[in-house]
Amino acid sequence: MHSDTALAPPPIVPARTAGILAVSGLAKSVPAGRQLFSGLDLAVAPGEVVAIVGESGVGKSTLLNILAGLDEADRGEVRIEGAAIGPLDEAGRTRLRRERIGFVFQAFHILPYLTLAQNVALPLALVSADQPRIEARALAMLEAVGLGDRGASYARDLSGGELQRVAIARALVHEPALILADEPTGNLDPETAGRVLDLFAREVRSGDAAAVIVTHSRATAAIADRVLVLTAGGLRPADA
């Protein structure tokens, strides 16, 4: 009989690699059989922001879910910091997301029974026991998105735009290697969106992270180093 120690999964150790994200030959169909995309290749380097645009229904959100290990491709490979996510079991993918990925969901997924500060702190609390640092970092991120005085508030007290800012602060708080964002400024006014996008780009570049943003917003795409269009045949440069 194996001991608990023998059964415990090994820690995720990032591989030394020139790129944070490497995707090759990715293909995905919907249950009805329609091909969303195929032959999709993508490489994102440390400090790089890539924006992905495209028509509604082409599979942009699905692609983000595949990159995060929340969905599976029909074919192809996704590597994060050199490690393939395909062979990981669900526990391994959960740990990868917890430790190395920040995700801004369109639906926010802010926990209503936690304060905003607790929501933002959650990714750090899952990987660290340094409570003073966790609290300080969470409050600093709330301040950075213009909600420094709302740390003790609950989700029910906030507007959609405020919830979106909390979601962005939470995605950035643990300084992940890869940040995935699905329409991160969709509920924000132009001034707030500009401030949040500046923060987003600054955090990515100063931390040598990589970011993939799905967006319909030209202002959001403008902060990216590259803008790619998702089509049934994969990704192509927006100016091609």
C-alpha atoms as a PDB file:
ATOM      1  CA  MET A   1       0.000   0.000   0.000  1.00  0.00           C
ATOM      2  CA  HIS A   2       1.359   3.409  -0.936  1.00  0.00           C
ATOM      3  CA  SER A   3       1.713   6.186   1.613  1.00  0.00           C
ATOM      4  CA  ASP A   4      -0.147   9.481   1.277  1.00  0.00           C
ATOM      5  CA  THR A   5       3.166  11.108   0.401  1.00  0.00           C
ATOM      6  CA  ALA A   6       3.682   8.698  -2.493  1.00  0.00           C
ATOM      7  CA  LEU A   7       0.217   9.455  -3.825  1.00  0.00           C
ATOM      8  CA  ALA A   8       0.545  13.229  -3.586  1.00  0.00           C
ATOM      9  CA  PRO A   9       1.043  14.933  -6.966  1.00  0.00           C
ATOM     10  CA  PRO A  10       4.459  16.535  -7.529  1.00  0.00           C
ATOM     11  CA  PRO A  11       4.657  20.329  -7.390  1.00  0.00           C
ATOM     12  CA  ILE A  12       4.356  22.203 -10.658  1.00  0.00           C
ATOM     13  CA  VAL A  13       7.845  23.399 -11.527  1.00  0.00           C
ATOM     14  CA  PRO A  14       7.920  25.837 -14.446  1.00  0.00           C
ATOM     15  CA  ALA A  15      10.334  24.777 -17.176  1.00  0.00           C
ATOM     16  CA  ARG A  16      12.964  27.188 -18.385  1.00  0.00           C
ATOM     17  CA  THR A  17      11.715  28.347 -21.728  1.00  0.00           C
ATOM     18  CA  ALA A  18      11.921  31.386 -23.997  1.00  0.00           C
ATOM     19  CA  GLY A  19       8.124  31.507 -24.290  1.00  0.00           C
ATOM     20  CA  ILE A  20       5.332  31.451 -21.743  1.00  0.00           C
ATOM     21  CA  LEU A  21       2.658  30.040 -24.046  1.00  0.00           C
ATOM     22  CA  ALA A  22       3.155  27.751 -27.036  1.00  0.00           C
ATOM     23  CA  VAL A  23       0.203  26.348 -28.988  1.00  0.00           C
ATOM     24  CA  SER A  24       0.509  24.072 -32.014  1.00  0.00           C
ATOM     25  CA  GLY A  25      -2.017  22.513 -34.368  1.00  0.00           C
ATOM     26  CA  LEU A  26      -5.032  23.255 -32.185  1.00  0.00           C
ATOM     27  CA  ALA A  27      -8.460  22.231 -33.488  1.00  0.00           C
ATOM     28  CA  LYS A  28     -11.900  22.371 -31.903  1.00  0.00           C
ATOM     29  CA  SER A  29     -15.425  21.463 -32.997  1.00  0.00           C
ATOM     30  CA  VAL A  30     -18.726  22.142 -31.261  1.00  0.00           C
ATOM     31  CA  PRO A  31     -20.978  19.178 -30.297  1.00  0.00           C
ATOM     32  CA  ALA A  32     -23.095  19.545 -33.417  1.00  0.00           C
ATOM     33  CA  GLY A  33     -19.971  18.883 -35.466  1.00  0.00           C
ATOM     34  CA  ARG A  34     -19.234  22.398 -36.746  1.00  0.00           C
ATOM     35  CA  GLN A  35     -15.512  23.131 -36.829  1.00  0.00           C
ATOM     36  CA  LEU A  36     -14.711  26.260 -34.837  1.00  0.00           C
ATOM     37  CA  PHE A  37     -11.054  26.394 -35.814  1.00  0.00           C
ATOM     38  CA  SER A  38      -8.185  24.135 -36.832  1.00  0.00           C
ATOM     39  CA  GLY A  39      -4.459  24.391 -37.446  1.00  0.00           C
ATOM     40  CA  LEU A  40      -4.147  27.056 -34.770  1.00  0.00           C
ATOM     41  CA  ASP A  41      -0.594  27.986 -33.760  1.00  0.00           C
ATOM     42  CA  LEU A  42       0.366  30.660 -31.238  1.00  0.00           C
ATOM     43  CA  ALA A  43       3.468  31.593 -29.258  1.00  0.00           C
ATOM     44  CA  VAL A  44       3.501  34.346 -26.639  1.00  0.00           C
ATOM     45  CA  ALA A  45       6.760  35.559 -25.113  1.00  0.00           C
ATOM     46  CA  PRO A  46       7.398  36.970 -21.624  1.00  0.00           C
ATOM     47  CA  GLY A  47       6.195  40.561 -21.386  1.00  0.00           C
ATOM     48  CA  GLU A  48       3.991  40.252 -24.488  1.00  0.00           C
ATOM     49  CA  VAL A  49       0.290  41.090 -24.786  1.00  0.00           C
ATOM     50  CA  VAL A  50      -1.633  39.468 -27.632  1.00  0.00           C
ATOM     51  CA  ALA A  51      -5.176  40.520 -28.511  1.00  0.00           C
ATOM     52  CA  ILE A  52      -7.474  38.122 -30.353  1.00  0.00           C
ATOM     53  CA  VAL A  53     -10.443  39.475 -32.290  1.00  0.00           C
ATOM     54  CA  GLY A  54     -12.952  37.852 -34.612  1.00  0.00           C
ATOM     55  CA  GLU A  55     -16.595  37.417 -35.436  1.00  0.00           C
ATOM     56  CA  SER A  56     -19.048  36.286 -32.769  1.00  0.00           C
ATOM     57  CA  GLY A  57     -19.313  32.501 -32.590  1.00  0.00           C
ATOM     58  CA  VAL A  58     -15.899  31.766 -34.076  1.00  0.00           C
ATOM     59  CA  GLY A  59     -14.660  30.329 -30.778  1.00  0.00           C
ATOM     60  CA  LYS A  60     -12.682  33.066 -29.023  1.00  0.00           C
ATOM     61  CA  SER A  61     -13.945  32.265 -25.518  1.00  0.00           C
ATOM     62  CA  THR A  62     -13.601  28.543 -26.232  1.00  0.00           C
ATOM     63  CA  LEU A  63      -9.973  29.104 -27.181  1.00  0.00           C
ATOM     64  CA  LEU A  64      -9.297  30.858 -23.873  1.00  0.00           C
ATOM     65  CA  ASN A  65     -10.921  27.971 -22.005  1.00  0.00           C
ATOM     66  CA  ILE A  66      -8.673  25.507 -23.834  1.00  0.00           C
ATOM     67  CA  LEU A  67      -5.571  27.560 -23.018  1.00  0.00           C
ATOM     68  CA  ALA A  68      -6.590  27.498 -19.339  1.00  0.00           C
ATOM     69  CA  GLY A  69      -7.284  23.769 -19.325  1.00  0.00           C
ATOM     70  CA  LEU A  70     -10.997  24.334 -18.704  1.00  0.00           C
ATOM     71  CA  ASP A  71     -11.899  22.727 -22.032  1.00  0.00           C
ATOM     72  CA  GLU A  72     -10.139  20.219 -24.266  1.00  0.00           C
ATOM     73  CA  ALA A  73      -9.164  20.581 -27.902  1.00  0.00           C
ATOM     74  CA  ASP A  74      -9.939  17.880 -30.457  1.00  0.00           C
ATOM     75  CA  ARG A  75      -6.321  17.979 -31.628  1.00  0.00           C
ATOM     76  CA  GLY A  76      -3.160  19.914 -30.935  1.00  0.00           C
ATOM     77  CA  GLU A  77      -1.008  20.845 -27.974  1.00  0.00           C
ATOM     78  CA  VAL A  78      -0.877  23.659 -25.427  1.00  0.00           C
ATOM     79  CA  ARG A  79       2.303  24.248 -23.439  1.00  0.00           C
ATOM     80  CA  ILE A  80       2.652  26.718 -20.572  1.00  0.00           C
ATOM     81  CA  GLU A  81       6.223  27.491 -19.562  1.00  0.00           C
ATOM     82  CA  GLY A  82       7.307  24.461 -21.534  1.00  0.00           C
ATOM     83  CA  ALA A  83       4.948  21.968 -19.868  1.00  0.00           C
ATOM     84  CA  ALA A  84       2.155  20.342 -21.898  1.00  0.00           C
ATOM     85  CA  ILE A  85      -1.221  20.646 -20.184  1.00  0.00           C
ATOM     86  CA  GLY A  86      -2.871  17.829 -22.156  1.00  0.00           C
ATOM     87  CA  PRO A  87      -1.417  14.978 -20.059  1.00  0.00           C
ATOM     88  CA  LEU A  88      -2.411  16.628 -16.764  1.00  0.00           C
ATOM     89  CA  ASP A  89      -5.376  15.201 -14.867  1.00  0.00           C
ATOM     90  CA  GLU A  90      -8.042  17.535 -13.485  1.00  0.00           C
ATOM     91  CA  ALA A  91      -6.194  18.024 -10.204  1.00  0.00           C
ATOM     92  CA  GLY A  92      -3.020  18.932 -12.085  1.00  0.00           C
ATOM     93  CA  ARG A  93      -4.854  21.417 -14.295  1.00  0.00           C
ATOM     94  CA  THR A  94      -6.491  22.986 -11.262  1.00  0.00           C
ATOM     95  CA  ARG A  95      -3.109  23.430  -9.616  1.00  0.00           C
ATOM     96  CA  LEU A  96      -1.663  24.890 -12.806  1.00  0.00           C
ATOM     97  CA  ARG A  97      -4.466  27.463 -12.998  1.00  0.00           C
ATOM     98  CA  ARG A  98      -4.100  28.262  -9.312  1.00  0.00           C
ATOM     99  CA  GLU A  99      -0.350  28.788  -9.435  1.00  0.00           C
ATOM    100  CA  ARG A 100       0.476  30.042 -12.940  1.00  0.00           C
ATOM    101  CA  ILE A 101      -2.657  31.471 -14.615  1.00  0.00           C
ATOM    102  CA  GLY A 102      -4.831  34.516 -14.027  1.00  0.00           C
ATOM    103  CA  PHE A 103      -8.232  34.487 -15.748  1.00  0.00           C
ATOM    104  CA  VAL A 104     -10.648  37.394 -16.236  1.00  0.00           C
ATOM    105  CA  PHE A 105     -14.045  35.863 -17.013  1.00  0.00           C
ATOM    106  CA  GLN A 106     -16.865  37.733 -18.744  1.00  0.00           C
ATOM    107  CA  ALA A 107     -19.162  36.584 -15.924  1.00  0.00           C
ATOM    108  CA  PHE A 108     -16.685  37.837 -13.254  1.00  0.00           C
ATOM    109  CA  HIS A 109     -17.214  34.861 -10.854  1.00  0.00           C
ATOM    110  CA  ILE A 110     -16.838  37.083  -7.796  1.00  0.00           C
ATOM    111  CA  LEU A 111     -17.829  35.102  -4.685  1.00  0.00           C
ATOM    112  CA  PRO A 112     -20.782  36.907  -3.046  1.00  0.00           C
ATOM    113  CA  TYR A 113     -20.067  35.709   0.507  1.00  0.00           C
ATOM    114  CA  LEU A 114     -16.516  37.144   0.530  1.00  0.00           C
ATOM    115  CA  THR A 115     -15.549  40.807   0.729  1.00  0.00           C
ATOM    116  CA  LEU A 116     -13.872  42.369  -2.269  1.00  0.00           C
ATOM    117  CA  ALA A 117     -10.512  42.231  -0.506  1.00  0.00           C
ATOM    118  CA  GLN A 118     -11.028  38.540   0.234  1.00  0.00           C
ATOM    119  CA  ASN A 119     -12.062  37.861  -3.367  1.00  0.00           C
ATOM    120  CA  VAL A 120      -8.947  39.560  -4.718  1.00  0.00           C
ATOM    121  CA  ALA A 121      -6.718  37.844  -2.156  1.00  0.00           C
ATOM    122  CA  LEU A 122      -8.039  34.369  -2.948  1.00  0.00           C
ATOM    123  CA  PRO A 123      -5.469  33.348  -5.614  1.00  0.00           C
ATOM    124  CA  LEU A 124      -2.623  34.335  -3.277  1.00  0.00           C
ATOM    125  CA  ALA A 125      -4.230  32.700  -0.250  1.00  0.00           C
ATOM    126  CA  LEU A 126      -4.367  29.406  -2.141  1.00  0.00           C
ATOM    127  CA  VAL A 127      -0.599  29.344  -2.686  1.00  0.00           C
ATOM    128  CA  SER A 128       0.865  31.308   0.248  1.00  0.00           C
ATOM    129  CA  ALA A 129       0.597  31.429   4.038  1.00  0.00           C
ATOM    130  CA  ASP A 130       2.090  34.922   4.308  1.00  0.00           C
ATOM    131  CA  GLN A 131      -1.080  36.669   5.494  1.00  0.00           C
ATOM    132  CA  PRO A 132       0.375  40.206   5.823  1.00  0.00           C
ATOM    133  CA  ARG A 133       1.713  40.058   2.262  1.00  0.00           C
ATOM    134  CA  ILE A 134      -1.561  38.618   0.968  1.00  0.00           C
ATOM    135  CA  GLU A 135      -3.612  41.402   2.551  1.00  0.00           C
ATOM    136  CA  ALA A 136      -1.202  44.140   1.437  1.00  0.00           C
ATOM    137  CA  ARG A 137      -1.080  42.913  -2.146  1.00  0.00           C
ATOM    138  CA  ALA A 138      -4.874  42.555  -2.355  1.00  0.00           C
ATOM    139  CA  LEU A 139      -5.449  46.069  -1.082  1.00  0.00           C
ATOM    140  CA  ALA A 140      -2.785  47.440  -3.432  1.00  0.00           C
ATOM    141  CA  MET A 141      -4.495  45.820  -6.414  1.00  0.00           C
ATOM    142  CA  LEU A 142      -7.892  47.181  -5.366  1.00  0.00           C
ATOM    143  CA  GLU A 143      -6.312  50.611  -5.101  1.00  0.00           C
ATOM    144  CA  ALA A 144      -4.794  50.195  -8.551  1.00  0.00           C
ATOM    145  CA  VAL A 145      -8.225  49.573 -10.118  1.00  0.00           C
ATOM    146  CA  GLY A 146      -9.794  52.494  -8.261  1.00  0.00           C
ATOM    147  CA  LEU A 147     -11.533  50.509  -5.514  1.00  0.00           C
ATOM    148  CA  GLY A 148      -9.128  51.044  -2.638  1.00  0.00           C
ATOM    149  CA  ASP A 149     -11.921  52.192  -0.331  1.00  0.00           C
ATOM    150  CA  ARG A 150     -14.231  49.259  -1.115  1.00  0.00           C
ATOM    151  CA  GLY A 151     -12.233  46.336   0.279  1.00  0.00           C
ATOM    152  CA  ALA A 152     -14.828  45.582   2.979  1.00  0.00           C
ATOM    153  CA  SER A 153     -17.766  45.719   0.533  1.00  0.00           C
ATOM    154  CA  TYR A 154     -19.581  42.698  -0.864  1.00  0.00           C
ATOM    155  CA  ALA A 155     -20.453  41.912  -4.477  1.00  0.00           C
ATOM    156  CA  ARG A 156     -24.125  42.801  -3.970  1.00  0.00           C
ATOM    157  CA  ASP A 157     -23.113  46.428  -3.365  1.00  0.00           C
ATOM    158  CA  LEU A 158     -21.255  46.865  -6.658  1.00  0.00           C
ATOM    159  CA  SER A 159     -22.119  47.725 -10.236  1.00  0.00           C
ATOM    160  CA  GLY A 160     -21.120  45.531 -13.164  1.00  0.00           C
ATOM    161  CA  GLY A 161     -18.180  47.794 -13.955  1.00  0.00           C
ATOM    162  CA  GLU A 162     -16.922  47.636 -10.386  1.00  0.00           C
ATOM    163  CA  LEU A 163     -17.213  43.855 -10.369  1.00  0.00           C
ATOM    164  CA  GLN A 164     -15.198  43.739 -13.567  1.00  0.00           C
ATOM    165  CA  ARG A 165     -12.422  45.767 -11.929  1.00  0.00           C
ATOM    166  CA  VAL A 166     -12.407  43.359  -8.979  1.00  0.00           C
ATOM    167  CA  ALA A 167     -12.083  40.458 -11.410  1.00  0.00           C
ATOM    168  CA  ILE A 168      -9.088  42.111 -13.086  1.00  0.00           C
ATOM    169  CA  ALA A 169      -7.426  42.815  -9.728  1.00  0.00           C
ATOM    170  CA  ARG A 170      -7.937  39.180  -8.726  1.00  0.00           C
ATOM    171  CA  ALA A 171      -6.439  37.889 -11.984  1.00  0.00           C
ATOM    172  CA  LEU A 172      -3.281  39.958 -11.478  1.00  0.00           C
ATOM    173  CA  VAL A 173      -2.783  39.700  -7.707  1.00  0.00           C
ATOM    174  CA  HIS A 174      -0.650  36.533  -7.627  1.00  0.00           C
ATOM    175  CA  GLU A 175       1.575  37.692 -10.503  1.00  0.00           C
ATOM    176  CA  PRO A 176       0.762  34.736 -12.763  1.00  0.00           C
ATOM    177  CA  ALA A 177       2.925  33.704 -15.695  1.00  0.00           C
ATOM    178  CA  LEU A 178      -0.057  33.677 -18.074  1.00  0.00           C
ATOM    179  CA  ILE A 179      -3.042  36.013 -17.974  1.00  0.00           C
ATOM    180  CA  LEU A 180      -6.155  35.207 -20.007  1.00  0.00           C
ATOM    181  CA  ALA A 181      -8.848  37.854 -20.305  1.00  0.00           C
ATOM    182  CA  ASP A 182     -12.270  37.586 -21.950  1.00  0.00           C
ATOM    183  CA  GLU A 183     -13.570  41.088 -22.792  1.00  0.00           C
ATOM    184  CA  PRO A 184     -11.873  42.603 -19.707  1.00  0.00           C
ATOM    185  CA  THR A 185     -13.281  46.114 -20.222  1.00  0.00           C
ATOM    186  CA  GLY A 186     -16.740  45.289 -21.576  1.00  0.00           C
ATOM    187  CA  ASN A 187     -18.574  46.952 -18.651  1.00  0.00           C
ATOM    188  CA  LEU A 188     -16.230  49.897 -18.086  1.00  0.00           C
ATOM    189  CA  ASP A 189     -16.567  53.509 -19.141  1.00  0.00           C
ATOM    190  CA  PRO A 190     -13.756  54.753 -21.450  1.00  0.00           C
ATOM    191  CA  GLU A 191     -11.828  56.578 -18.720  1.00  0.00           C
ATOM    192  CA  THR A 192     -11.876  53.657 -16.291  1.00  0.00           C
ATOM    193  CA  ALA A 193     -11.126  51.217 -19.113  1.00  0.00           C
ATOM    194  CA  GLY A 194      -8.048  53.217 -20.058  1.00  0.00           C
ATOM    195  CA  ARG A 195      -6.761  53.211 -16.481  1.00  0.00           C
ATOM    196  CA  VAL A 196      -7.384  49.496 -16.057  1.00  0.00           C
ATOM    197  CA  LEU A 197      -5.766  48.655 -19.404  1.00  0.00           C
ATOM    198  CA  ASP A 198      -2.670  50.652 -18.444  1.00  0.00           C
ATOM    199  CA  LEU A 199      -2.475  48.641 -15.212  1.00  0.00           C
ATOM    200  CA  PHE A 200      -2.997  45.399 -17.099  1.00  0.00           C
ATOM    201  CA  ALA A 201      -0.218  46.099 -19.591  1.00  0.00           C
ATOM    202  CA  ARG A 202       2.143  47.366 -16.876  1.00  0.00           C
ATOM    203  CA  GLU A 203       1.669  44.265 -14.719  1.00  0.00           C
ATOM    204  CA  VAL A 204       2.249  41.948 -17.675  1.00  0.00           C
ATOM    205  CA  ARG A 205       5.394  43.673 -18.874  1.00  0.00           C
ATOM    206  CA  SER A 206       6.974  44.403 -15.499  1.00  0.00           C
ATOM    207  CA  GLY A 207       6.407  40.814 -14.367  1.00  0.00           C
ATOM    208  CA  ASP A 208       7.543  39.202 -17.651  1.00  0.00           C
ATOM    209  CA  ALA A 209       4.162  37.500 -17.849  1.00  0.00           C
ATOM    210  CA  ALA A 210       2.287  36.766 -21.069  1.00  0.00           C
ATOM    211  CA  ALA A 211      -1.276  37.855 -21.771  1.00  0.00           C
ATOM    212  CA  VAL A 212      -3.939  36.803 -24.257  1.00  0.00           C
ATOM    213  CA  ILE A 213      -6.975  39.091 -24.460  1.00  0.00           C
ATOM    214  CA  VAL A 214     -10.169  38.315 -26.346  1.00  0.00           C
ATOM    215  CA  THR A 215     -11.935  41.550 -27.216  1.00  0.00           C
ATOM    216  CA  HIS A 216     -14.205  43.438 -29.583  1.00  0.00           C
ATOM    217  CA  SER A 217     -12.852  46.770 -28.315  1.00  0.00           C
ATOM    218  CA  ARG A 218     -10.379  48.683 -30.449  1.00  0.00           C
ATOM    219  CA  ALA A 219      -9.126  50.533 -27.370  1.00  0.00           C
ATOM    220  CA  THR A 220      -8.395  47.236 -25.628  1.00  0.00           C
ATOM    221  CA  ALA A 221      -6.698  45.778 -28.701  1.00  0.00           C
ATOM    222  CA  ALA A 222      -4.570  48.926 -28.949  1.00  0.00           C
ATOM    223  CA  ILE A 223      -2.548  48.014 -25.844  1.00  0.00           C
ATOM    224  CA  ALA A 224      -1.467  44.719 -27.414  1.00  0.00           C
ATOM    225  CA  ASP A 225       1.876  44.050 -29.032  1.00  0.00           C
ATOM    226  CA  ARG A 226       0.065  41.965 -31.644  1.00  0.00           C
ATOM    227  CA  VAL A 227      -3.554  41.757 -32.773  1.00  0.00           C
ATOM    228  CA  LEU A 228      -4.635  38.440 -34.299  1.00  0.00           C
ATOM    229  CA  VAL A 229      -7.903  37.473 -35.955  1.00  0.00           C
ATOM    230  CA  LEU A 230      -9.399  34.068 -35.114  1.00  0.00           C
ATOM    231  CA  THR A 231     -10.888  32.301 -38.148  1.00  0.00           C
ATOM    232  CA  ALA A 232     -11.903  28.739 -38.953  1.00  0.00           C
ATOM    233  CA  GLY A 233      -8.395  28.235 -40.306  1.00  0.00           C
ATOM    234  CA  GLY A 234      -6.635  29.467 -37.182  1.00  0.00           C
ATOM    235  CA  LEU A 235      -5.056  32.810 -36.330  1.00  0.00           C
ATOM    236  CA  ARG A 236      -3.836  35.463 -38.749  1.00  0.00           C
ATOM    237  CA  PRO A 237      -2.432  38.970 -38.191  1.00  0.00           C
ATOM    238  CA  ALA A 238      -5.146  41.630 -38.128  1.00  0.00           C
ATOM    239  CA  ASP A 239      -3.389  43.645 -40.837  1.00  0.00           C
ATOM    240  CA  ALA A 240      -2.910  40.674 -43.167  1.00  0.00           C
END
